[in-house]
Amino acid sequence: MKIVEVNIDEMNRVAKRGRVRSSETQQLISAIEALKPGAAKAIMLGSGDTPQKVRARIAYAGRIAGKRVQVAIESERVLFALSSRQRRRRKSA
């Protein structure tokens, strides 16, 4: 057996790849990773897609990509962008 050093980024990338279940999810991950602050993308709903299902897929892909994603539903499309919101911090007593 031979043990070698590995970059942690490589480890995280391989671990994420194992959780990807479909080409659709991989496309969403790529789209989220390519997003720049201040830019947004939209998914046009196809037959059999509901806005709620697409929103859930985007949220899942965002978690895999390690990005906070803001999602909005409009009649025939689901829009998403990188979230600019900061988490609230609790005040220490």
PDB file of N, CA and C in Angstrom:
ATOM      1  N   MET A   1       0.866  -1.179   0.000  1.00  0.00           N
ATOM      2  CA  MET A   1       0.000   0.000   0.000  1.00  0.00           C
ATOM      3  C   MET A   1       0.906   1.233   0.000  1.00  0.00           C
ATOM      4  N   LYS A   2       0.459   2.247  -0.764  1.00  0.00           N
ATOM      5  CA  LYS A   2       1.205   3.503  -0.851  1.00  0.00           C
ATOM      6  C   LYS A   2       0.259   4.645  -0.534  1.00  0.00           C
ATOM      7  N   ILE A   3       0.598   5.486   0.420  1.00  0.00           N
ATOM      8  CA  ILE A   3      -0.234   6.628   0.806  1.00  0.00           C
ATOM      9  C   ILE A   3       0.462   7.894   0.334  1.00  0.00           C
ATOM     10  N   VAL A   4      -0.298   8.748  -0.371  1.00  0.00           N
ATOM     11  CA  VAL A   4       0.264   9.987  -0.909  1.00  0.00           C
ATOM     12  C   VAL A   4      -0.594  11.173  -0.490  1.00  0.00           C
ATOM     13  N   GLU A   5      -0.016  12.351  -0.556  1.00  0.00           N
ATOM     14  CA  GLU A   5      -0.737  13.591  -0.251  1.00  0.00           C
ATOM     15  C   GLU A   5      -1.677  13.931  -1.401  1.00  0.00           C
ATOM     16  N   VAL A   6      -2.850  14.483  -1.065  1.00  0.00           N
ATOM     17  CA  VAL A   6      -3.836  14.895  -2.061  1.00  0.00           C
ATOM     18  C   VAL A   6      -4.335  16.278  -1.681  1.00  0.00           C
ATOM     19  N   ASN A   7      -4.558  17.112  -2.680  1.00  0.00           N
ATOM     20  CA  ASN A   7      -5.114  18.439  -2.458  1.00  0.00           C
ATOM     21  C   ASN A   7      -6.560  18.299  -1.987  1.00  0.00           C
ATOM     22  N   ILE A   8      -6.956  19.050  -0.974  1.00  0.00           N
ATOM     23  CA  ILE A   8      -8.314  18.955  -0.423  1.00  0.00           C
ATOM     24  C   ILE A   8      -9.374  19.340  -1.454  1.00  0.00           C
ATOM     25  N   ASP A   9      -9.050  20.249  -2.374  1.00  0.00           N
ATOM     26  CA  ASP A   9     -10.000  20.617  -3.435  1.00  0.00           C
ATOM     27  C   ASP A   9     -10.314  19.416  -4.315  1.00  0.00           C
ATOM     28  N   GLU A  10      -9.302  18.625  -4.602  1.00  0.00           N
ATOM     29  CA  GLU A  10      -9.509  17.417  -5.398  1.00  0.00           C
ATOM     30  C   GLU A  10     -10.416  16.439  -4.661  1.00  0.00           C
ATOM     31  N   MET A  11     -10.194  16.291  -3.368  1.00  0.00           N
ATOM     32  CA  MET A  11     -11.027  15.413  -2.546  1.00  0.00           C
ATOM     33  C   MET A  11     -12.481  15.862  -2.573  1.00  0.00           C
ATOM     34  N   ASN A  12     -12.715  17.153  -2.409  1.00  0.00           N
ATOM     35  CA  ASN A  12     -14.082  17.677  -2.417  1.00  0.00           C
ATOM     36  C   ASN A  12     -14.737  17.497  -3.771  1.00  0.00           C
ATOM     37  N   ARG A  13     -13.998  17.700  -4.853  1.00  0.00           N
ATOM     38  CA  ARG A  13     -14.551  17.556  -6.200  1.00  0.00           C
ATOM     39  C   ARG A  13     -14.971  16.112  -6.453  1.00  0.00           C
ATOM     40  N   VAL A  14     -14.137  15.161  -6.068  1.00  0.00           N
ATOM     41  CA  VAL A  14     -14.453  13.747  -6.261  1.00  0.00           C
ATOM     42  C   VAL A  14     -15.650  13.347  -5.405  1.00  0.00           C
ATOM     43  N   ALA A  15     -15.710  13.836  -4.173  1.00  0.00           N
ATOM     44  CA  ALA A  15     -16.831  13.508  -3.289  1.00  0.00           C
ATOM     45  C   ALA A  15     -18.140  14.046  -3.859  1.00  0.00           C
ATOM     46  N   LYS A  16     -18.103  15.239  -4.425  1.00  0.00           N
ATOM     47  CA  LYS A  16     -19.316  15.822  -5.012  1.00  0.00           C
ATOM     48  C   LYS A  16     -19.755  15.026  -6.230  1.00  0.00           C
ATOM     49  N   ARG A  17     -18.822  14.612  -7.036  1.00  0.00           N
ATOM     50  CA  ARG A  17     -19.151  13.889  -8.252  1.00  0.00           C
ATOM     51  C   ARG A  17     -19.889  12.588  -7.927  1.00  0.00           C
ATOM     52  N   GLY A  18     -19.566  11.957  -6.826  1.00  0.00           N
ATOM     53  CA  GLY A  18     -20.221  10.720  -6.446  1.00  0.00           C
ATOM     54  C   GLY A  18     -21.682  10.894  -6.107  1.00  0.00           C
ATOM     55  N   ARG A  19     -22.085  12.088  -5.698  1.00  0.00           N
ATOM     56  CA  ARG A  19     -23.471  12.331  -5.311  1.00  0.00           C
ATOM     57  C   ARG A  19     -24.345  12.764  -6.471  1.00  0.00           C
ATOM     58  N   VAL A  20     -23.748  13.084  -7.599  1.00  0.00           N
ATOM     59  CA  VAL A  20     -24.515  13.566  -8.744  1.00  0.00           C
ATOM     60  C   VAL A  20     -25.292  12.398  -9.332  1.00  0.00           C
ATOM     61  N   ARG A  21     -26.578  12.589  -9.521  1.00  0.00           N
ATOM     62  CA  ARG A  21     -27.417  11.478  -9.940  1.00  0.00           C
ATOM     63  C   ARG A  21     -27.868  11.540 -11.391  1.00  0.00           C
ATOM     64  N   SER A  22     -27.823  12.684 -12.025  1.00  0.00           N
ATOM     65  CA  SER A  22     -28.311  12.755 -13.398  1.00  0.00           C
ATOM     66  C   SER A  22     -27.550  13.824 -14.174  1.00  0.00           C
ATOM     67  N   SER A  23     -27.690  13.757 -15.489  1.00  0.00           N
ATOM     68  CA  SER A  23     -27.043  14.779 -16.327  1.00  0.00           C
ATOM     69  C   SER A  23     -27.694  16.141 -16.098  1.00  0.00           C
ATOM     70  N   GLU A  24     -28.990  16.145 -15.779  1.00  0.00           N
ATOM     71  CA  GLU A  24     -29.688  17.392 -15.460  1.00  0.00           C
ATOM     72  C   GLU A  24     -29.052  18.077 -14.247  1.00  0.00           C
ATOM     73  N   THR A  25     -28.799  17.288 -13.216  1.00  0.00           N
ATOM     74  CA  THR A  25     -28.191  17.822 -12.002  1.00  0.00           C
ATOM     75  C   THR A  25     -26.793  18.342 -12.312  1.00  0.00           C
ATOM     76  N   GLN A  26     -26.032  17.614 -13.120  1.00  0.00           N
ATOM     77  CA  GLN A  26     -24.688  18.053 -13.489  1.00  0.00           C
ATOM     78  C   GLN A  26     -24.743  19.373 -14.257  1.00  0.00           C
ATOM     79  N   GLN A  27     -25.718  19.533 -15.146  1.00  0.00           N
ATOM     80  CA  GLN A  27     -25.880  20.792 -15.885  1.00  0.00           C
ATOM     81  C   GLN A  27     -26.191  21.934 -14.925  1.00  0.00           C
ATOM     82  N   LEU A  28     -27.050  21.682 -13.956  1.00  0.00           N
ATOM     83  CA  LEU A  28     -27.375  22.714 -12.975  1.00  0.00           C
ATOM     84  C   LEU A  28     -26.157  23.095 -12.146  1.00  0.00           C
ATOM     85  N   ILE A  29     -25.380  22.111 -11.731  1.00  0.00           N
ATOM     86  CA  ILE A  29     -24.167  22.388 -10.954  1.00  0.00           C
ATOM     87  C   ILE A  29     -23.220  23.259 -11.770  1.00  0.00           C
ATOM     88  N   SER A  30     -23.019  22.908 -13.025  1.00  0.00           N
ATOM     89  CA  SER A  30     -22.139  23.691 -13.897  1.00  0.00           C
ATOM     90  C   SER A  30     -22.647  25.117 -14.065  1.00  0.00           C
ATOM     91  N   ALA A  31     -23.960  25.265 -14.237  1.00  0.00           N
ATOM     92  CA  ALA A  31     -24.547  26.599 -14.401  1.00  0.00           C
ATOM     93  C   ALA A  31     -24.369  27.424 -13.128  1.00  0.00           C
ATOM     94  N   ILE A  32     -24.547  26.806 -11.975  1.00  0.00           N
ATOM     95  CA  ILE A  32     -24.404  27.521 -10.703  1.00  0.00           C
ATOM     96  C   ILE A  32     -22.949  27.912 -10.473  1.00  0.00           C
ATOM     97  N   GLU A  33     -22.026  26.994 -10.777  1.00  0.00           N
ATOM     98  CA  GLU A  33     -20.611  27.300 -10.600  1.00  0.00           C
ATOM     99  C   GLU A  33     -20.148  28.405 -11.550  1.00  0.00           C
ATOM    100  N   ALA A  34     -20.786  28.528 -12.717  1.00  0.00           N
ATOM    101  CA  ALA A  34     -20.400  29.549 -13.689  1.00  0.00           C
ATOM    102  C   ALA A  34     -21.018  30.917 -13.392  1.00  0.00           C
ATOM    103  N   LEU A  35     -22.005  30.954 -12.504  1.00  0.00           N
ATOM    104  CA  LEU A  35     -22.667  32.231 -12.197  1.00  0.00           C
ATOM    105  C   LEU A  35     -21.711  33.217 -11.535  1.00  0.00           C
ATOM    106  N   LYS A  36     -21.814  34.455 -11.934  1.00  0.00           N
ATOM    107  CA  LYS A  36     -21.059  35.550 -11.324  1.00  0.00           C
ATOM    108  C   LYS A  36     -22.027  36.351 -10.461  1.00  0.00           C
ATOM    109  N   PRO A  37     -21.528  37.012  -9.415  1.00  0.00           N
ATOM    110  CA  PRO A  37     -22.409  37.869  -8.616  1.00  0.00           C
ATOM    111  C   PRO A  37     -23.073  38.930  -9.504  1.00  0.00           C
ATOM    112  N   GLY A  38     -24.354  39.121  -9.308  1.00  0.00           N
ATOM    113  CA  GLY A  38     -25.105  40.092 -10.096  1.00  0.00           C
ATOM    114  C   GLY A  38     -25.688  39.533 -11.383  1.00  0.00           C
ATOM    115  N   ALA A  39     -25.450  38.254 -11.663  1.00  0.00           N
ATOM    116  CA  ALA A  39     -25.998  37.617 -12.864  1.00  0.00           C
ATOM    117  C   ALA A  39     -27.017  36.562 -12.442  1.00  0.00           C
ATOM    118  N   ALA A  40     -27.934  36.248 -13.343  1.00  0.00           N
ATOM    119  CA  ALA A  40     -28.965  35.247 -13.053  1.00  0.00           C
ATOM    120  C   ALA A  40     -29.192  34.386 -14.286  1.00  0.00           C
ATOM    121  N   LYS A  41     -29.794  33.229 -14.067  1.00  0.00           N
ATOM    122  CA  LYS A  41     -30.165  32.326 -15.156  1.00  0.00           C
ATOM    123  C   LYS A  41     -31.599  31.879 -14.914  1.00  0.00           C
ATOM    124  N   ALA A  42     -32.219  31.313 -15.942  1.00  0.00           N
ATOM    125  CA  ALA A  42     -33.594  30.838 -15.820  1.00  0.00           C
ATOM    126  C   ALA A  42     -33.725  29.479 -16.492  1.00  0.00           C
ATOM    127  N   ILE A  43     -34.608  28.670 -15.954  1.00  0.00           N
ATOM    128  CA  ILE A  43     -34.951  27.384 -16.550  1.00  0.00           C
ATOM    129  C   ILE A  43     -36.378  27.485 -17.034  1.00  0.00           C
ATOM    130  N   MET A  44     -36.579  27.209 -18.304  1.00  0.00           N
ATOM    131  CA  MET A  44     -37.920  27.202 -18.871  1.00  0.00           C
ATOM    132  C   MET A  44     -38.551  25.844 -18.529  1.00  0.00           C
ATOM    133  N   LEU A  45     -39.761  25.875 -18.018  1.00  0.00           N
ATOM    134  CA  LEU A  45     -40.442  24.643 -17.613  1.00  0.00           C
ATOM    135  C   LEU A  45     -40.835  23.826 -18.837  1.00  0.00           C
ATOM    136  N   GLY A  46     -40.537  22.532 -18.767  1.00  0.00           N
ATOM    137  CA  GLY A  46     -40.905  21.625 -19.841  1.00  0.00           C
ATOM    138  C   GLY A  46     -42.119  20.814 -19.448  1.00  0.00           C
ATOM    139  N   SER A  47     -42.508  19.918 -20.320  1.00  0.00           N
ATOM    140  CA  SER A  47     -43.666  19.081 -20.002  1.00  0.00           C
ATOM    141  C   SER A  47     -43.298  18.143 -18.858  1.00  0.00           C
ATOM    142  N   GLY A  48     -44.190  18.018 -17.903  1.00  0.00           N
ATOM    143  CA  GLY A  48     -43.959  17.164 -16.751  1.00  0.00           C
ATOM    144  C   GLY A  48     -43.190  17.838 -15.618  1.00  0.00           C
ATOM    145  N   ASP A  49     -42.656  19.036 -15.860  1.00  0.00           N
ATOM    146  CA  ASP A  49     -41.950  19.774 -14.813  1.00  0.00           C
ATOM    147  C   ASP A  49     -42.919  20.689 -14.078  1.00  0.00           C
ATOM    148  N   THR A  50     -42.777  20.727 -12.782  1.00  0.00           N
ATOM    149  CA  THR A  50     -43.522  21.710 -11.996  1.00  0.00           C
ATOM    150  C   THR A  50     -42.502  22.695 -11.435  1.00  0.00           C
ATOM    151  N   PRO A  51     -42.918  23.924 -11.183  1.00  0.00           N
ATOM    152  CA  PRO A  51     -41.975  24.897 -10.621  1.00  0.00           C
ATOM    153  C   PRO A  51     -41.354  24.418  -9.314  1.00  0.00           C
ATOM    154  N   GLN A  52     -42.123  23.719  -8.501  1.00  0.00           N
ATOM    155  CA  GLN A  52     -41.622  23.235  -7.223  1.00  0.00           C
ATOM    156  C   GLN A  52     -40.525  22.184  -7.398  1.00  0.00           C
ATOM    157  N   LYS A  53     -40.700  21.282  -8.369  1.00  0.00           N
ATOM    158  CA  LYS A  53     -39.688  20.264  -8.635  1.00  0.00           C
ATOM    159  C   LYS A  53     -38.392  20.898  -9.125  1.00  0.00           C
ATOM    160  N   VAL A  54     -38.526  21.843 -10.041  1.00  0.00           N
ATOM    161  CA  VAL A  54     -37.341  22.509 -10.591  1.00  0.00           C
ATOM    162  C   VAL A  54     -36.638  23.307  -9.500  1.00  0.00           C
ATOM    163  N   ARG A  55     -37.404  23.966  -8.657  1.00  0.00           N
ATOM    164  CA  ARG A  55     -36.821  24.736  -7.545  1.00  0.00           C
ATOM    165  C   ARG A  55     -36.037  23.812  -6.621  1.00  0.00           C
ATOM    166  N   ALA A  56     -36.577  22.646  -6.323  1.00  0.00           N
ATOM    167  CA  ALA A  56     -35.899  21.682  -5.460  1.00  0.00           C
ATOM    168  C   ALA A  56     -34.605  21.183  -6.102  1.00  0.00           C
ATOM    169  N   ARG A  57     -34.635  20.946  -7.418  1.00  0.00           N
ATOM    170  CA  ARG A  57     -33.433  20.509  -8.124  1.00  0.00           C
ATOM    171  C   ARG A  57     -32.337  21.571  -8.076  1.00  0.00           C
ATOM    172  N   ILE A  58     -32.733  22.832  -8.240  1.00  0.00           N
ATOM    173  CA  ILE A  58     -31.762  23.929  -8.185  1.00  0.00           C
ATOM    174  C   ILE A  58     -31.161  24.021  -6.783  1.00  0.00           C
ATOM    175  N   ALA A  59     -31.983  23.919  -5.764  1.00  0.00           N
ATOM    176  CA  ALA A  59     -31.493  23.973  -4.385  1.00  0.00           C
ATOM    177  C   ALA A  59     -30.527  22.820  -4.111  1.00  0.00           C
ATOM    178  N   TYR A  60     -30.844  21.631  -4.582  1.00  0.00           N
ATOM    179  CA  TYR A  60     -29.987  20.462  -4.411  1.00  0.00           C
ATOM    180  C   TYR A  60     -28.642  20.681  -5.105  1.00  0.00           C
ATOM    181  N   ALA A  61     -28.680  21.159  -6.354  1.00  0.00           N
ATOM    182  CA  ALA A  61     -27.450  21.414  -7.104  1.00  0.00           C
ATOM    183  C   ALA A  61     -26.608  22.490  -6.417  1.00  0.00           C
ATOM    184  N   GLY A  62     -27.267  23.492  -5.852  1.00  0.00           N
ATOM    185  CA  GLY A  62     -26.556  24.540  -5.121  1.00  0.00           C
ATOM    186  C   GLY A  62     -25.828  23.977  -3.910  1.00  0.00           C
ATOM    187  N   ARG A  63     -26.475  23.073  -3.190  1.00  0.00           N
ATOM    188  CA  ARG A  63     -25.825  22.452  -2.035  1.00  0.00           C
ATOM    189  C   ARG A  63     -24.608  21.636  -2.460  1.00  0.00           C
ATOM    190  N   ILE A  64     -24.740  20.883  -3.550  1.00  0.00           N
ATOM    191  CA  ILE A  64     -23.618  20.093  -4.044  1.00  0.00           C
ATOM    192  C   ILE A  64     -22.472  21.010  -4.480  1.00  0.00           C
ATOM    193  N   ALA A  65     -22.812  22.126  -5.137  1.00  0.00           N
ATOM    194  CA  ALA A  65     -21.797  23.065  -5.612  1.00  0.00           C
ATOM    195  C   ALA A  65     -21.199  23.882  -4.478  1.00  0.00           C
ATOM    196  N   GLY A  66     -21.830  23.842  -3.317  1.00  0.00           N
ATOM    197  CA  GLY A  66     -21.323  24.610  -2.185  1.00  0.00           C
ATOM    198  C   GLY A  66     -21.608  26.099  -2.294  1.00  0.00           C
ATOM    199  N   LYS A  67     -22.674  26.451  -2.997  1.00  0.00           N
ATOM    200  CA  LYS A  67     -23.045  27.855  -3.195  1.00  0.00           C
ATOM    201  C   LYS A  67     -24.434  28.109  -2.632  1.00  0.00           C
ATOM    202  N   ARG A  68     -24.629  29.307  -2.099  1.00  0.00           N
ATOM    203  CA  ARG A  68     -25.972  29.715  -1.666  1.00  0.00           C
ATOM    204  C   ARG A  68     -26.682  30.284  -2.881  1.00  0.00           C
ATOM    205  N   VAL A  69     -27.849  29.740  -3.177  1.00  0.00           N
ATOM    206  CA  VAL A  69     -28.585  30.122  -4.386  1.00  0.00           C
ATOM    207  C   VAL A  69     -29.937  30.701  -4.005  1.00  0.00           C
ATOM    208  N   GLN A  70     -30.279  31.785  -4.662  1.00  0.00           N
ATOM    209  CA  GLN A  70     -31.590  32.414  -4.500  1.00  0.00           C
ATOM    210  C   GLN A  70     -32.447  31.958  -5.679  1.00  0.00           C
ATOM    211  N   VAL A  71     -33.661  31.487  -5.400  1.00  0.00           N
ATOM    212  CA  VAL A  71     -34.531  30.944  -6.447  1.00  0.00           C
ATOM    213  C   VAL A  71     -35.864  31.678  -6.427  1.00  0.00           C
ATOM    214  N   ALA A  72     -36.361  32.027  -7.618  1.00  0.00           N
ATOM    215  CA  ALA A  72     -37.668  32.674  -7.742  1.00  0.00           C
ATOM    216  C   ALA A  72     -38.459  31.969  -8.838  1.00  0.00           C
ATOM    217  N   ILE A  73     -39.752  31.826  -8.604  1.00  0.00           N
ATOM    218  CA  ILE A  73     -40.625  31.171  -9.575  1.00  0.00           C
ATOM    219  C   ILE A  73     -41.463  32.223 -10.281  1.00  0.00           C
ATOM    220  N   GLU A  74     -41.424  32.193 -11.609  1.00  0.00           N
ATOM    221  CA  GLU A  74     -42.264  33.042 -12.447  1.00  0.00           C
ATOM    222  C   GLU A  74     -43.080  32.083 -13.308  1.00  0.00           C
ATOM    223  N   SER A  75     -44.193  32.482 -13.827  1.00  0.00           N
ATOM    224  CA  SER A  75     -45.173  31.597 -14.464  1.00  0.00           C
ATOM    225  C   SER A  75     -44.583  30.385 -15.199  1.00  0.00           C
ATOM    226  N   GLU A  76     -43.802  30.557 -16.222  1.00  0.00           N
ATOM    227  CA  GLU A  76     -43.307  29.441 -17.019  1.00  0.00           C
ATOM    228  C   GLU A  76     -41.805  29.237 -16.900  1.00  0.00           C
ATOM    229  N   ARG A  77     -41.181  29.841 -15.902  1.00  0.00           N
ATOM    230  CA  ARG A  77     -39.749  29.654 -15.729  1.00  0.00           C
ATOM    231  C   ARG A  77     -39.357  29.813 -14.261  1.00  0.00           C
ATOM    232  N   VAL A  78     -38.198  29.249 -13.937  1.00  0.00           N
ATOM    233  CA  VAL A  78     -37.663  29.344 -12.586  1.00  0.00           C
ATOM    234  C   VAL A  78     -36.309  30.045 -12.700  1.00  0.00           C
ATOM    235  N   LEU A  79     -36.181  31.171 -12.009  1.00  0.00           N
ATOM    236  CA  LEU A  79     -34.969  31.970 -12.074  1.00  0.00           C
ATOM    237  C   LEU A  79     -34.085  31.677 -10.872  1.00  0.00           C
ATOM    238  N   PHE A  80     -32.768  31.758 -11.069  1.00  0.00           N
ATOM    239  CA  PHE A  80     -31.857  31.551  -9.948  1.00  0.00           C
ATOM    240  C   PHE A  80     -30.598  32.390 -10.111  1.00  0.00           C
ATOM    241  N   ALA A  81     -30.045  32.764  -8.971  1.00  0.00           N
ATOM    242  CA  ALA A  81     -28.831  33.573  -8.911  1.00  0.00           C
ATOM    243  C   ALA A  81     -28.102  33.235  -7.623  1.00  0.00           C
ATOM    244  N   LEU A  82     -26.850  33.654  -7.545  1.00  0.00           N
ATOM    245  CA  LEU A  82     -26.122  33.478  -6.297  1.00  0.00           C
ATOM    246  C   LEU A  82     -26.744  34.380  -5.257  1.00  0.00           C
ATOM    247  N   SER A  83     -26.894  33.876  -4.063  1.00  0.00           N
ATOM    248  CA  SER A  83     -27.504  34.652  -2.995  1.00  0.00           C
ATOM    249  C   SER A  83     -26.494  35.641  -2.446  1.00  0.00           C
ATOM    250  N   SER A  84     -26.932  36.869  -2.277  1.00  0.00           N
ATOM    251  CA  SER A  84     -26.045  37.892  -1.725  1.00  0.00           C
ATOM    252  C   SER A  84     -26.337  38.122  -0.249  1.00  0.00           C
ATOM    253  N   ARG A  85     -27.342  37.429   0.263  1.00  0.00           N
ATOM    254  CA  ARG A  85     -27.710  37.612   1.665  1.00  0.00           C
ATOM    255  C   ARG A  85     -26.680  36.983   2.581  1.00  0.00           C
ATOM    256  N   GLN A  86     -26.449  37.649   3.683  1.00  0.00           N
ATOM    257  CA  GLN A  86     -25.574  37.122   4.720  1.00  0.00           C
ATOM    258  C   GLN A  86     -26.453  36.500   5.793  1.00  0.00           C
ATOM    259  N   ARG A  87     -25.962  35.478   6.426  1.00  0.00           N
ATOM    260  CA  ARG A  87     -26.704  34.878   7.530  1.00  0.00           C
ATOM    261  C   ARG A  87     -26.705  35.835   8.709  1.00  0.00           C
ATOM    262  N   ARG A  88     -27.814  35.842   9.404  1.00  0.00           N
ATOM    263  CA  ARG A  88     -27.891  36.669  10.604  1.00  0.00           C
ATOM    264  C   ARG A  88     -27.079  36.028  11.709  1.00  0.00           C
ATOM    265  N   ARG A  89     -26.416  36.858  12.443  1.00  0.00           N
ATOM    266  CA  ARG A  89     -25.648  36.353  13.597  1.00  0.00           C
ATOM    267  C   ARG A  89     -26.409  36.641  14.861  1.00  0.00           C
ATOM    268  N   ARG A  90     -26.403  35.675  15.730  1.00  0.00           N
ATOM    269  CA  ARG A  90     -27.071  35.871  17.032  1.00  0.00           C
ATOM    270  C   ARG A  90     -26.212  36.775  17.887  1.00  0.00           C
ATOM    271  N   LYS A  91     -26.901  37.620  18.613  1.00  0.00           N
ATOM    272  CA  LYS A  91     -26.188  38.492  19.545  1.00  0.00           C
ATOM    273  C   LYS A  91     -25.811  37.685  20.774  1.00  0.00           C
ATOM    274  N   SER A  92     -24.599  37.873  21.199  1.00  0.00           N
ATOM    275  CA  SER A  92     -24.142  37.193  22.420  1.00  0.00           C
ATOM    276  C   SER A  92     -24.708  37.893  23.633  1.00  0.00           C
ATOM    277  N   ALA A  93     -25.141  37.145  24.581  1.00  0.00           N
ATOM    278  CA  ALA A  93     -25.726  37.727  25.792  1.00  0.00           C
ATOM    279  C   ALA A  93     -24.673  38.091  26.807  1.00  0.00           C
TER     280      ALA A  93
END
